[in-house]
Amino acid sequence: MSPSSPAVTSLEQLQELCSGCHRCGLASSRTQVVVARGNPKAKLMLIGEGPGQQEDESGKPFVGRAGQLLDRILESVGLSSERDAYICNVVKCRPPENRKPTAAEMAACRPWLDAQIQLIDPALIVVSGATAVEAVLGIKGGITKLRGQWQERDGRQVLPVFHPSYLLRNPSRAEGSPKWHTWKDMQDVRRRLEQEGWQP
């Protein structure tokens, strides 16, 4: 966290600080801040890019079509998005026209994401899409090459996967398709969760 950022000691404080945040221009066009959904005690943290229109309206991440697909993918490997994962985004306010967040917007929101990782203290982090990979791992581009390859950040295992919105545009489930790869990646996540002591 930067010296100008307050120390965050609870998720309630984080929600309050995010709700009052004006660190970048995204705050001026948001309906509400979108911090997280799911279980704060989960061993799995899933990080996406940023809220869309439905998320901006509901105040919860991944509730639109991409979020519904994410829920189904998790369910297909025996995981529940509400019980077994803590889900958030790189930026907490919706970028206009659902565009990719700028580097400055991601930097402005970085203290909140860092606080979430510190407070949740997950065993595993899944980063969904190139923007989340860049924000969490500092690696630009190349999600197709990176997906499915475990990385490490501050001693935590991090797995890049395709973003569900990309899977909606590529719906094939054929072997070798993005959707098939994502399903295999999430099976691997479940296996690693079991190694960390997770039980259904």
N, C-alpha and C. Protein backbone atom coordinates (compact mmCIF):
# COMPACT_ATOMS: atom_id res chain seq x y z
N MET A 1 0.83 -1.19 0.00
CA MET A 1 0.00 0.00 0.00
C MET A 1 0.86 1.24 0.00
N SER A 2 0.41 2.24 -0.69
CA SER A 2 1.19 3.48 -0.74
C SER A 2 1.04 4.23 0.56
N PRO A 3 1.98 5.14 0.86
CA PRO A 3 1.92 5.88 2.11
C PRO A 3 0.62 6.66 2.28
N SER A 4 -0.03 7.05 1.17
CA SER A 4 -1.27 7.82 1.27
C SER A 4 -2.49 6.93 1.51
N SER A 5 -2.30 5.60 1.48
CA SER A 5 -3.41 4.68 1.67
C SER A 5 -3.51 4.28 3.14
N PRO A 6 -4.73 4.30 3.68
CA PRO A 6 -4.89 3.89 5.07
C PRO A 6 -4.68 2.38 5.23
N ALA A 7 -4.20 1.96 6.38
CA ALA A 7 -4.08 0.53 6.66
C ALA A 7 -5.48 -0.06 6.77
N VAL A 8 -5.69 -1.19 6.13
CA VAL A 8 -7.00 -1.83 6.14
C VAL A 8 -6.92 -3.07 7.03
N THR A 9 -7.76 -3.12 8.05
CA THR A 9 -7.67 -4.21 9.02
C THR A 9 -8.89 -5.13 9.02
N SER A 10 -9.93 -4.80 8.24
CA SER A 10 -11.11 -5.66 8.18
C SER A 10 -11.80 -5.49 6.83
N LEU A 11 -12.59 -6.49 6.46
CA LEU A 11 -13.34 -6.41 5.21
C LEU A 11 -14.41 -5.33 5.28
N GLU A 12 -14.96 -5.11 6.47
CA GLU A 12 -15.95 -4.05 6.65
C GLU A 12 -15.31 -2.68 6.38
N GLN A 13 -14.11 -2.49 6.91
CA GLN A 13 -13.39 -1.24 6.67
C GLN A 13 -13.06 -1.09 5.19
N LEU A 14 -12.66 -2.19 4.56
CA LEU A 14 -12.35 -2.16 3.13
C LEU A 14 -13.57 -1.72 2.33
N GLN A 15 -14.74 -2.29 2.63
CA GLN A 15 -15.97 -1.91 1.93
C GLN A 15 -16.23 -0.41 2.09
N GLU A 16 -16.07 0.08 3.30
CA GLU A 16 -16.31 1.49 3.59
C GLU A 16 -15.32 2.39 2.83
N LEU A 17 -14.05 2.01 2.84
CA LEU A 17 -13.04 2.80 2.15
C LEU A 17 -13.26 2.79 0.63
N CYS A 18 -13.62 1.63 0.10
CA CYS A 18 -13.88 1.55 -1.34
C CYS A 18 -15.11 2.38 -1.72
N SER A 19 -16.13 2.34 -0.87
CA SER A 19 -17.35 3.10 -1.15
C SER A 19 -17.09 4.60 -1.21
N GLY A 20 -16.11 5.07 -0.45
CA GLY A 20 -15.78 6.49 -0.44
C GLY A 20 -14.60 6.85 -1.33
N CYS A 21 -14.12 5.89 -2.10
CA CYS A 21 -12.91 6.09 -2.89
C CYS A 21 -13.16 6.97 -4.11
N HIS A 22 -12.24 7.90 -4.34
CA HIS A 22 -12.24 8.74 -5.54
C HIS A 22 -10.81 8.85 -6.07
N ARG A 23 -10.06 7.73 -6.00
CA ARG A 23 -8.65 7.72 -6.41
C ARG A 23 -8.47 7.81 -7.92
N CYS A 24 -9.55 7.52 -8.68
CA CYS A 24 -9.47 7.64 -10.14
C CYS A 24 -10.82 8.09 -10.68
N GLY A 25 -10.88 8.33 -11.98
CA GLY A 25 -12.08 8.84 -12.61
C GLY A 25 -13.24 7.87 -12.68
N LEU A 26 -12.99 6.58 -12.46
CA LEU A 26 -14.09 5.60 -12.52
C LEU A 26 -15.15 5.87 -11.46
N ALA A 27 -14.76 6.47 -10.35
CA ALA A 27 -15.71 6.74 -9.27
C ALA A 27 -16.84 7.65 -9.72
N SER A 28 -16.56 8.55 -10.65
CA SER A 28 -17.56 9.54 -11.06
C SER A 28 -18.71 8.94 -11.87
N SER A 29 -18.49 7.78 -12.49
CA SER A 29 -19.54 7.19 -13.32
C SER A 29 -20.15 5.92 -12.73
N ARG A 30 -19.69 5.50 -11.56
CA ARG A 30 -20.22 4.26 -10.99
C ARG A 30 -21.60 4.48 -10.37
N THR A 31 -22.39 3.42 -10.35
CA THR A 31 -23.63 3.41 -9.59
C THR A 31 -23.29 3.09 -8.14
N GLN A 32 -22.45 2.08 -7.99
CA GLN A 32 -21.94 1.72 -6.67
C GLN A 32 -20.63 0.96 -6.84
N VAL A 33 -19.89 0.90 -5.77
CA VAL A 33 -18.62 0.18 -5.78
C VAL A 33 -18.92 -1.32 -5.71
N VAL A 34 -18.07 -2.12 -6.37
CA VAL A 34 -18.27 -3.57 -6.42
C VAL A 34 -17.03 -4.21 -5.79
N VAL A 35 -17.16 -4.65 -4.54
CA VAL A 35 -15.98 -5.13 -3.82
C VAL A 35 -15.79 -6.64 -3.94
N ALA A 36 -16.78 -7.44 -3.56
CA ALA A 36 -16.59 -8.89 -3.57
C ALA A 36 -17.90 -9.61 -3.34
N ARG A 37 -17.86 -10.92 -3.57
CA ARG A 37 -18.92 -11.84 -3.14
C ARG A 37 -18.26 -13.16 -2.79
N GLY A 38 -19.00 -14.02 -2.12
CA GLY A 38 -18.46 -15.32 -1.76
C GLY A 38 -18.07 -15.39 -0.30
N ASN A 39 -17.20 -16.34 0.00
CA ASN A 39 -16.84 -16.67 1.38
C ASN A 39 -15.48 -16.09 1.75
N PRO A 40 -15.43 -15.13 2.68
CA PRO A 40 -14.15 -14.55 3.09
C PRO A 40 -13.21 -15.55 3.77
N LYS A 41 -13.73 -16.71 4.17
CA LYS A 41 -12.89 -17.73 4.81
C LYS A 41 -12.44 -18.80 3.81
N ALA A 42 -12.75 -18.61 2.55
CA ALA A 42 -12.41 -19.61 1.53
C ALA A 42 -10.90 -19.69 1.32
N LYS A 43 -10.44 -20.86 0.91
CA LYS A 43 -9.03 -21.06 0.57
C LYS A 43 -8.73 -20.61 -0.86
N LEU A 44 -9.80 -20.36 -1.64
CA LEU A 44 -9.67 -19.98 -3.04
C LEU A 44 -10.15 -18.55 -3.25
N MET A 45 -9.31 -17.75 -3.90
CA MET A 45 -9.68 -16.38 -4.28
C MET A 45 -9.66 -16.32 -5.80
N LEU A 46 -10.73 -15.78 -6.37
CA LEU A 46 -10.82 -15.64 -7.81
C LEU A 46 -10.87 -14.16 -8.15
N ILE A 47 -9.96 -13.71 -9.01
CA ILE A 47 -9.85 -12.29 -9.34
C ILE A 47 -10.09 -12.09 -10.83
N GLY A 48 -11.08 -11.24 -11.15
CA GLY A 48 -11.39 -10.89 -12.53
C GLY A 48 -10.91 -9.49 -12.86
N GLU A 49 -11.44 -8.95 -13.96
CA GLU A 49 -10.98 -7.65 -14.47
C GLU A 49 -11.67 -6.48 -13.78
N GLY A 50 -12.97 -6.37 -13.97
CA GLY A 50 -13.72 -5.25 -13.41
C GLY A 50 -15.20 -5.46 -13.58
N PRO A 51 -16.01 -4.68 -12.89
CA PRO A 51 -17.47 -4.84 -12.96
C PRO A 51 -18.02 -4.44 -14.33
N GLY A 52 -19.08 -5.14 -14.74
CA GLY A 52 -19.87 -4.73 -15.90
C GLY A 52 -21.12 -4.00 -15.41
N GLN A 53 -22.06 -3.80 -16.31
CA GLN A 53 -23.27 -3.05 -15.97
C GLN A 53 -24.07 -3.73 -14.86
N GLN A 54 -24.28 -5.05 -14.99
CA GLN A 54 -25.09 -5.75 -13.97
C GLN A 54 -24.39 -5.74 -12.61
N GLU A 55 -23.08 -5.84 -12.63
CA GLU A 55 -22.32 -5.80 -11.37
C GLU A 55 -22.40 -4.41 -10.75
N ASP A 56 -22.32 -3.39 -11.59
CA ASP A 56 -22.42 -2.00 -11.13
C ASP A 56 -23.78 -1.75 -10.48
N GLU A 57 -24.82 -2.36 -11.03
CA GLU A 57 -26.17 -2.19 -10.50
C GLU A 57 -26.39 -2.99 -9.21
N SER A 58 -25.81 -4.20 -9.16
CA SER A 58 -26.06 -5.08 -8.01
C SER A 58 -25.08 -4.87 -6.86
N GLY A 59 -23.88 -4.35 -7.18
CA GLY A 59 -22.85 -4.20 -6.16
C GLY A 59 -22.07 -5.47 -5.89
N LYS A 60 -22.26 -6.50 -6.74
CA LYS A 60 -21.54 -7.77 -6.57
C LYS A 60 -20.84 -8.14 -7.88
N PRO A 61 -19.62 -8.70 -7.78
CA PRO A 61 -18.89 -9.08 -8.99
C PRO A 61 -19.42 -10.37 -9.60
N PHE A 62 -19.22 -10.52 -10.90
CA PHE A 62 -19.54 -11.75 -11.61
C PHE A 62 -20.98 -12.20 -11.37
N VAL A 63 -21.95 -11.33 -11.67
CA VAL A 63 -23.36 -11.72 -11.55
C VAL A 63 -24.07 -11.72 -12.91
N GLY A 64 -23.42 -11.20 -13.95
CA GLY A 64 -24.00 -11.20 -15.29
C GLY A 64 -23.80 -12.55 -15.96
N ARG A 65 -23.87 -12.58 -17.29
CA ARG A 65 -23.74 -13.85 -18.02
C ARG A 65 -22.39 -14.51 -17.75
N ALA A 66 -21.32 -13.72 -17.72
CA ALA A 66 -19.99 -14.29 -17.46
C ALA A 66 -19.93 -14.88 -16.06
N GLY A 67 -20.53 -14.21 -15.10
CA GLY A 67 -20.55 -14.72 -13.73
C GLY A 67 -21.37 -15.98 -13.59
N GLN A 68 -22.48 -16.04 -14.32
CA GLN A 68 -23.30 -17.26 -14.29
C GLN A 68 -22.53 -18.43 -14.87
N LEU A 69 -21.77 -18.17 -15.94
CA LEU A 69 -20.93 -19.22 -16.51
C LEU A 69 -19.84 -19.63 -15.52
N LEU A 70 -19.24 -18.66 -14.86
CA LEU A 70 -18.23 -18.97 -13.84
C LEU A 70 -18.82 -19.88 -12.77
N ASP A 71 -20.02 -19.55 -12.29
CA ASP A 71 -20.67 -20.39 -11.28
C ASP A 71 -20.85 -21.82 -11.78
N ARG A 72 -21.28 -21.97 -13.05
CA ARG A 72 -21.50 -23.31 -13.61
C ARG A 72 -20.18 -24.07 -13.74
N ILE A 73 -19.11 -23.37 -14.12
CA ILE A 73 -17.80 -24.02 -14.24
C ILE A 73 -17.34 -24.52 -12.87
N LEU A 74 -17.48 -23.67 -11.85
CA LEU A 74 -17.11 -24.09 -10.49
C LEU A 74 -17.95 -25.29 -10.06
N GLU A 75 -19.27 -25.22 -10.31
CA GLU A 75 -20.16 -26.33 -9.93
C GLU A 75 -19.78 -27.62 -10.64
N SER A 76 -19.30 -27.52 -11.89
CA SER A 76 -18.95 -28.71 -12.67
C SER A 76 -17.78 -29.48 -12.05
N VAL A 77 -17.00 -28.82 -11.20
CA VAL A 77 -15.90 -29.51 -10.51
C VAL A 77 -16.18 -29.64 -9.01
N GLY A 78 -17.45 -29.44 -8.63
CA GLY A 78 -17.85 -29.65 -7.24
C GLY A 78 -17.57 -28.49 -6.31
N LEU A 79 -17.39 -27.28 -6.86
CA LEU A 79 -17.14 -26.10 -6.02
C LEU A 79 -18.32 -25.14 -6.10
N SER A 80 -18.58 -24.45 -5.02
CA SER A 80 -19.63 -23.44 -4.97
C SER A 80 -19.00 -22.05 -4.91
N SER A 81 -19.50 -21.14 -5.75
CA SER A 81 -18.95 -19.79 -5.76
C SER A 81 -19.21 -19.06 -4.46
N GLU A 82 -20.26 -19.42 -3.75
CA GLU A 82 -20.57 -18.74 -2.49
C GLU A 82 -19.89 -19.40 -1.29
N ARG A 83 -19.70 -20.70 -1.33
CA ARG A 83 -19.12 -21.42 -0.19
C ARG A 83 -17.60 -21.58 -0.29
N ASP A 84 -17.11 -21.82 -1.51
CA ASP A 84 -15.72 -22.26 -1.68
C ASP A 84 -14.79 -21.21 -2.28
N ALA A 85 -15.30 -20.02 -2.57
CA ALA A 85 -14.46 -19.00 -3.22
C ALA A 85 -14.80 -17.61 -2.70
N TYR A 86 -13.80 -16.75 -2.74
CA TYR A 86 -13.97 -15.31 -2.51
C TYR A 86 -13.67 -14.67 -3.85
N ILE A 87 -14.64 -13.95 -4.40
CA ILE A 87 -14.56 -13.46 -5.77
C ILE A 87 -14.51 -11.93 -5.79
N CYS A 88 -13.53 -11.39 -6.50
CA CYS A 88 -13.39 -9.93 -6.60
C CYS A 88 -12.81 -9.57 -7.96
N ASN A 89 -12.55 -8.30 -8.16
CA ASN A 89 -11.98 -7.81 -9.41
C ASN A 89 -10.77 -6.92 -9.15
N VAL A 90 -10.00 -6.71 -10.19
CA VAL A 90 -8.83 -5.83 -10.13
C VAL A 90 -9.27 -4.41 -9.80
N VAL A 91 -10.31 -3.91 -10.50
CA VAL A 91 -10.87 -2.59 -10.20
C VAL A 91 -12.27 -2.76 -9.62
N LYS A 92 -12.64 -1.87 -8.75
CA LYS A 92 -13.90 -2.00 -8.01
C LYS A 92 -15.03 -1.16 -8.59
N CYS A 93 -14.74 -0.36 -9.62
CA CYS A 93 -15.76 0.46 -10.27
C CYS A 93 -15.79 0.11 -11.76
N ARG A 94 -16.97 0.21 -12.35
CA ARG A 94 -17.13 -0.17 -13.75
C ARG A 94 -16.46 0.81 -14.70
N PRO A 95 -15.57 0.32 -15.57
CA PRO A 95 -15.05 1.18 -16.63
C PRO A 95 -16.16 1.45 -17.66
N PRO A 96 -16.28 2.68 -18.15
CA PRO A 96 -17.32 3.00 -19.13
C PRO A 96 -17.27 2.08 -20.34
N GLU A 97 -18.44 1.71 -20.84
CA GLU A 97 -18.56 0.84 -22.02
C GLU A 97 -17.86 -0.50 -21.82
N ASN A 98 -17.65 -0.90 -20.57
CA ASN A 98 -16.99 -2.18 -20.25
C ASN A 98 -15.60 -2.30 -20.87
N ARG A 99 -14.93 -1.18 -21.05
CA ARG A 99 -13.58 -1.23 -21.60
C ARG A 99 -12.61 -1.78 -20.55
N LYS A 100 -11.42 -2.15 -21.03
CA LYS A 100 -10.37 -2.62 -20.12
C LYS A 100 -9.92 -1.46 -19.23
N PRO A 101 -9.70 -1.70 -17.94
CA PRO A 101 -9.18 -0.62 -17.08
C PRO A 101 -7.81 -0.16 -17.55
N THR A 102 -7.54 1.13 -17.40
CA THR A 102 -6.22 1.66 -17.76
C THR A 102 -5.21 1.30 -16.67
N ALA A 103 -3.94 1.46 -17.00
CA ALA A 103 -2.88 1.19 -16.02
C ALA A 103 -3.05 2.10 -14.80
N ALA A 104 -3.44 3.36 -15.02
CA ALA A 104 -3.62 4.29 -13.91
C ALA A 104 -4.80 3.87 -13.02
N GLU A 105 -5.87 3.39 -13.63
CA GLU A 105 -7.03 2.92 -12.86
C GLU A 105 -6.68 1.68 -12.04
N MET A 106 -5.93 0.77 -12.66
CA MET A 106 -5.51 -0.43 -11.92
C MET A 106 -4.59 -0.05 -10.76
N ALA A 107 -3.70 0.90 -11.00
CA ALA A 107 -2.79 1.35 -9.94
C ALA A 107 -3.56 2.02 -8.80
N ALA A 108 -4.58 2.80 -9.15
CA ALA A 108 -5.38 3.47 -8.13
C ALA A 108 -6.13 2.47 -7.25
N CYS A 109 -6.55 1.37 -7.85
CA CYS A 109 -7.31 0.35 -7.11
C CYS A 109 -6.39 -0.69 -6.45
N ARG A 110 -5.13 -0.66 -6.78
CA ARG A 110 -4.20 -1.67 -6.29
C ARG A 110 -4.18 -1.83 -4.76
N PRO A 111 -4.22 -0.74 -3.99
CA PRO A 111 -4.23 -0.92 -2.54
C PRO A 111 -5.42 -1.74 -2.04
N TRP A 112 -6.56 -1.61 -2.71
CA TRP A 112 -7.75 -2.36 -2.28
C TRP A 112 -7.58 -3.84 -2.61
N LEU A 113 -7.04 -4.15 -3.78
CA LEU A 113 -6.81 -5.55 -4.14
C LEU A 113 -5.77 -6.17 -3.22
N ASP A 114 -4.68 -5.44 -2.96
CA ASP A 114 -3.65 -5.95 -2.04
C ASP A 114 -4.23 -6.20 -0.65
N ALA A 115 -5.12 -5.30 -0.20
CA ALA A 115 -5.75 -5.48 1.12
C ALA A 115 -6.63 -6.72 1.12
N GLN A 116 -7.36 -6.95 0.03
CA GLN A 116 -8.20 -8.15 -0.05
C GLN A 116 -7.36 -9.41 0.04
N ILE A 117 -6.27 -9.46 -0.70
CA ILE A 117 -5.41 -10.64 -0.67
C ILE A 117 -4.85 -10.85 0.73
N GLN A 118 -4.44 -9.78 1.37
CA GLN A 118 -3.88 -9.88 2.73
C GLN A 118 -4.94 -10.34 3.73
N LEU A 119 -6.14 -9.77 3.65
CA LEU A 119 -7.19 -10.10 4.62
C LEU A 119 -7.76 -11.50 4.41
N ILE A 120 -7.95 -11.90 3.16
CA ILE A 120 -8.50 -13.23 2.87
C ILE A 120 -7.44 -14.30 3.09
N ASP A 121 -6.20 -13.99 2.75
CA ASP A 121 -5.07 -14.91 2.90
C ASP A 121 -5.36 -16.27 2.25
N PRO A 122 -5.69 -16.26 0.94
CA PRO A 122 -6.06 -17.52 0.30
C PRO A 122 -4.85 -18.43 0.07
N ALA A 123 -5.11 -19.73 0.02
CA ALA A 123 -4.06 -20.68 -0.34
C ALA A 123 -3.81 -20.63 -1.84
N LEU A 124 -4.89 -20.46 -2.62
CA LEU A 124 -4.81 -20.44 -4.07
C LEU A 124 -5.50 -19.20 -4.61
N ILE A 125 -4.95 -18.63 -5.68
CA ILE A 125 -5.58 -17.51 -6.37
C ILE A 125 -5.73 -17.91 -7.84
N VAL A 126 -6.93 -17.74 -8.37
CA VAL A 126 -7.18 -17.91 -9.79
C VAL A 126 -7.36 -16.52 -10.39
N VAL A 127 -6.54 -16.18 -11.38
CA VAL A 127 -6.66 -14.89 -12.06
C VAL A 127 -7.30 -15.13 -13.41
N SER A 128 -8.42 -14.45 -13.63
CA SER A 128 -9.27 -14.72 -14.79
C SER A 128 -9.09 -13.63 -15.85
N GLY A 129 -8.38 -13.97 -16.91
CA GLY A 129 -8.17 -13.04 -18.00
C GLY A 129 -6.85 -12.28 -17.90
N ALA A 130 -6.47 -11.66 -19.03
CA ALA A 130 -5.16 -11.01 -19.15
C ALA A 130 -5.00 -9.82 -18.20
N THR A 131 -6.07 -9.06 -17.96
CA THR A 131 -5.98 -7.90 -17.08
C THR A 131 -5.64 -8.32 -15.66
N ALA A 132 -6.30 -9.37 -15.18
CA ALA A 132 -6.02 -9.86 -13.82
C ALA A 132 -4.62 -10.45 -13.73
N VAL A 133 -4.18 -11.12 -14.78
CA VAL A 133 -2.81 -11.66 -14.81
C VAL A 133 -1.80 -10.52 -14.70
N GLU A 134 -2.04 -9.45 -15.45
CA GLU A 134 -1.14 -8.30 -15.41
C GLU A 134 -1.14 -7.66 -14.02
N ALA A 135 -2.32 -7.49 -13.43
CA ALA A 135 -2.42 -6.81 -12.13
C ALA A 135 -1.80 -7.63 -11.00
N VAL A 136 -2.01 -8.93 -11.02
CA VAL A 136 -1.57 -9.78 -9.90
C VAL A 136 -0.14 -10.28 -10.09
N LEU A 137 0.19 -10.66 -11.32
CA LEU A 137 1.50 -11.27 -11.57
C LEU A 137 2.49 -10.34 -12.26
N GLY A 138 1.99 -9.21 -12.77
CA GLY A 138 2.88 -8.28 -13.47
C GLY A 138 3.31 -8.75 -14.84
N ILE A 139 2.56 -9.69 -15.41
CA ILE A 139 2.88 -10.24 -16.73
C ILE A 139 1.86 -9.71 -17.73
N LYS A 140 2.33 -9.05 -18.79
CA LYS A 140 1.41 -8.47 -19.78
C LYS A 140 1.18 -9.44 -20.93
N GLY A 141 -0.10 -9.52 -21.35
CA GLY A 141 -0.45 -10.29 -22.54
C GLY A 141 -0.20 -11.78 -22.38
N GLY A 142 -0.57 -12.52 -23.41
CA GLY A 142 -0.23 -13.93 -23.46
C GLY A 142 -1.02 -14.86 -22.56
N ILE A 143 -2.32 -14.56 -22.32
CA ILE A 143 -3.12 -15.45 -21.47
C ILE A 143 -3.19 -16.85 -22.07
N THR A 144 -3.19 -16.95 -23.40
CA THR A 144 -3.26 -18.27 -24.03
C THR A 144 -2.04 -19.11 -23.68
N LYS A 145 -0.88 -18.48 -23.61
CA LYS A 145 0.34 -19.21 -23.25
C LYS A 145 0.42 -19.47 -21.75
N LEU A 146 -0.08 -18.53 -20.95
CA LEU A 146 0.05 -18.64 -19.49
C LEU A 146 -1.00 -19.52 -18.84
N ARG A 147 -2.20 -19.59 -19.43
CA ARG A 147 -3.28 -20.30 -18.76
C ARG A 147 -2.88 -21.75 -18.45
N GLY A 148 -3.32 -22.18 -17.28
CA GLY A 148 -3.03 -23.54 -16.88
C GLY A 148 -1.65 -23.75 -16.28
N GLN A 149 -0.82 -22.71 -16.23
CA GLN A 149 0.52 -22.83 -15.66
C GLN A 149 0.56 -22.11 -14.32
N TRP A 150 0.76 -22.86 -13.26
CA TRP A 150 0.80 -22.27 -11.92
C TRP A 150 1.98 -21.33 -11.78
N GLN A 151 1.74 -20.19 -11.19
CA GLN A 151 2.74 -19.17 -10.91
C GLN A 151 2.79 -18.98 -9.38
N GLU A 152 3.67 -18.11 -8.94
CA GLU A 152 3.73 -17.82 -7.51
C GLU A 152 3.77 -16.31 -7.29
N ARG A 153 3.03 -15.86 -6.29
CA ARG A 153 3.05 -14.45 -5.88
C ARG A 153 3.07 -14.41 -4.37
N ASP A 154 4.11 -13.88 -3.81
CA ASP A 154 4.24 -13.75 -2.35
C ASP A 154 3.95 -15.07 -1.64
N GLY A 155 4.49 -16.16 -2.19
CA GLY A 155 4.34 -17.46 -1.56
C GLY A 155 3.00 -18.14 -1.82
N ARG A 156 2.14 -17.52 -2.62
CA ARG A 156 0.83 -18.12 -2.92
C ARG A 156 0.84 -18.69 -4.34
N GLN A 157 0.13 -19.79 -4.52
CA GLN A 157 -0.01 -20.38 -5.84
C GLN A 157 -1.07 -19.59 -6.61
N VAL A 158 -0.74 -19.22 -7.86
CA VAL A 158 -1.64 -18.42 -8.69
C VAL A 158 -1.80 -19.10 -10.05
N LEU A 159 -3.05 -19.30 -10.47
CA LEU A 159 -3.31 -19.95 -11.75
C LEU A 159 -4.05 -19.01 -12.70
N PRO A 160 -3.43 -18.64 -13.83
CA PRO A 160 -4.15 -17.87 -14.85
C PRO A 160 -5.12 -18.78 -15.62
N VAL A 161 -6.33 -18.28 -15.84
CA VAL A 161 -7.33 -18.99 -16.65
C VAL A 161 -7.99 -17.99 -17.60
N PHE A 162 -8.69 -18.51 -18.60
CA PHE A 162 -9.45 -17.64 -19.50
C PHE A 162 -10.57 -16.97 -18.72
N HIS A 163 -10.91 -15.74 -19.11
CA HIS A 163 -12.03 -15.03 -18.50
C HIS A 163 -13.33 -15.63 -19.03
N PRO A 164 -14.36 -15.76 -18.17
CA PRO A 164 -15.63 -16.33 -18.64
C PRO A 164 -16.25 -15.58 -19.83
N SER A 165 -16.03 -14.27 -19.93
CA SER A 165 -16.59 -13.53 -21.07
C SER A 165 -15.95 -14.01 -22.39
N TYR A 166 -14.68 -14.40 -22.34
CA TYR A 166 -14.01 -14.97 -23.51
C TYR A 166 -14.64 -16.32 -23.85
N LEU A 167 -14.98 -17.09 -22.83
CA LEU A 167 -15.60 -18.39 -23.06
C LEU A 167 -17.00 -18.24 -23.65
N LEU A 168 -17.71 -17.18 -23.29
CA LEU A 168 -19.03 -16.93 -23.88
C LEU A 168 -18.90 -16.67 -25.38
N ARG A 169 -17.81 -16.06 -25.79
CA ARG A 169 -17.58 -15.79 -27.22
C ARG A 169 -17.01 -17.02 -27.94
N ASN A 170 -16.57 -18.01 -27.18
CA ASN A 170 -15.99 -19.25 -27.73
C ASN A 170 -16.66 -20.44 -27.04
N PRO A 171 -17.93 -20.72 -27.40
CA PRO A 171 -18.72 -21.67 -26.60
C PRO A 171 -18.42 -23.15 -26.80
N SER A 172 -17.59 -23.51 -27.77
CA SER A 172 -17.32 -24.92 -28.02
C SER A 172 -16.75 -25.60 -26.77
N ARG A 173 -17.21 -26.83 -26.53
CA ARG A 173 -16.67 -27.63 -25.42
C ARG A 173 -15.75 -28.74 -25.92
N ALA A 174 -15.44 -28.70 -27.21
CA ALA A 174 -14.60 -29.75 -27.81
C ALA A 174 -13.24 -29.78 -27.14
N GLU A 175 -12.64 -30.97 -27.13
CA GLU A 175 -11.32 -31.11 -26.54
C GLU A 175 -10.35 -30.13 -27.19
N GLY A 176 -9.60 -29.40 -26.35
CA GLY A 176 -8.66 -28.41 -26.85
C GLY A 176 -9.24 -27.01 -26.96
N SER A 177 -10.56 -26.86 -26.77
CA SER A 177 -11.19 -25.54 -26.84
C SER A 177 -10.91 -24.76 -25.56
N PRO A 178 -11.05 -23.42 -25.59
CA PRO A 178 -10.85 -22.64 -24.36
C PRO A 178 -11.72 -23.11 -23.20
N LYS A 179 -12.97 -23.47 -23.49
CA LYS A 179 -13.87 -23.92 -22.42
C LYS A 179 -13.37 -25.25 -21.83
N TRP A 180 -12.92 -26.15 -22.68
CA TRP A 180 -12.39 -27.43 -22.22
C TRP A 180 -11.15 -27.21 -21.35
N HIS A 181 -10.25 -26.33 -21.82
CA HIS A 181 -9.04 -26.03 -21.04
C HIS A 181 -9.41 -25.44 -19.67
N THR A 182 -10.40 -24.56 -19.65
CA THR A 182 -10.80 -23.94 -18.38
C THR A 182 -11.36 -24.99 -17.43
N TRP A 183 -12.15 -25.92 -17.95
CA TRP A 183 -12.69 -26.99 -17.12
C TRP A 183 -11.54 -27.84 -16.54
N LYS A 184 -10.55 -28.16 -17.37
CA LYS A 184 -9.40 -28.93 -16.89
C LYS A 184 -8.62 -28.12 -15.84
N ASP A 185 -8.46 -26.82 -16.09
CA ASP A 185 -7.75 -25.96 -15.13
C ASP A 185 -8.47 -25.96 -13.79
N MET A 186 -9.81 -25.88 -13.82
CA MET A 186 -10.56 -25.84 -12.56
C MET A 186 -10.56 -27.20 -11.86
N GLN A 187 -10.44 -28.28 -12.61
CA GLN A 187 -10.25 -29.59 -11.96
C GLN A 187 -8.92 -29.59 -11.19
N ASP A 188 -7.91 -28.99 -11.79
CA ASP A 188 -6.60 -28.88 -11.13
C ASP A 188 -6.72 -28.03 -9.86
N VAL A 189 -7.48 -26.94 -9.94
CA VAL A 189 -7.71 -26.09 -8.77
C VAL A 189 -8.34 -26.91 -7.65
N ARG A 190 -9.36 -27.70 -7.99
CA ARG A 190 -10.01 -28.52 -6.96
C ARG A 190 -9.01 -29.50 -6.33
N ARG A 191 -8.19 -30.14 -7.14
CA ARG A 191 -7.19 -31.07 -6.60
C ARG A 191 -6.26 -30.36 -5.63
N ARG A 192 -5.82 -29.18 -6.00
CA ARG A 192 -4.91 -28.43 -5.12
C ARG A 192 -5.62 -27.96 -3.86
N LEU A 193 -6.88 -27.61 -3.97
CA LEU A 193 -7.65 -27.24 -2.77
C LEU A 193 -7.73 -28.43 -1.82
N GLU A 194 -7.95 -29.61 -2.37
CA GLU A 194 -8.00 -30.82 -1.53
C GLU A 194 -6.66 -31.03 -0.82
N GLN A 195 -5.56 -30.76 -1.52
CA GLN A 195 -4.24 -30.88 -0.90
C GLN A 195 -4.07 -29.86 0.23
N GLU A 196 -4.80 -28.74 0.14
CA GLU A 196 -4.75 -27.70 1.17
C GLU A 196 -5.73 -27.97 2.31
N GLY A 197 -6.42 -29.11 2.26
CA GLY A 197 -7.33 -29.47 3.34
C GLY A 197 -8.79 -29.13 3.09
N TRP A 198 -9.11 -28.62 1.87
CA TRP A 198 -10.51 -28.32 1.55
C TRP A 198 -11.32 -29.60 1.50
N GLN A 199 -12.54 -29.53 2.02
CA GLN A 199 -13.46 -30.67 1.95
C GLN A 199 -14.81 -30.18 1.46
N PRO A 200 -15.48 -30.97 0.60
CA PRO A 200 -16.80 -30.56 0.09
C PRO A 200 -17.86 -30.55 1.19
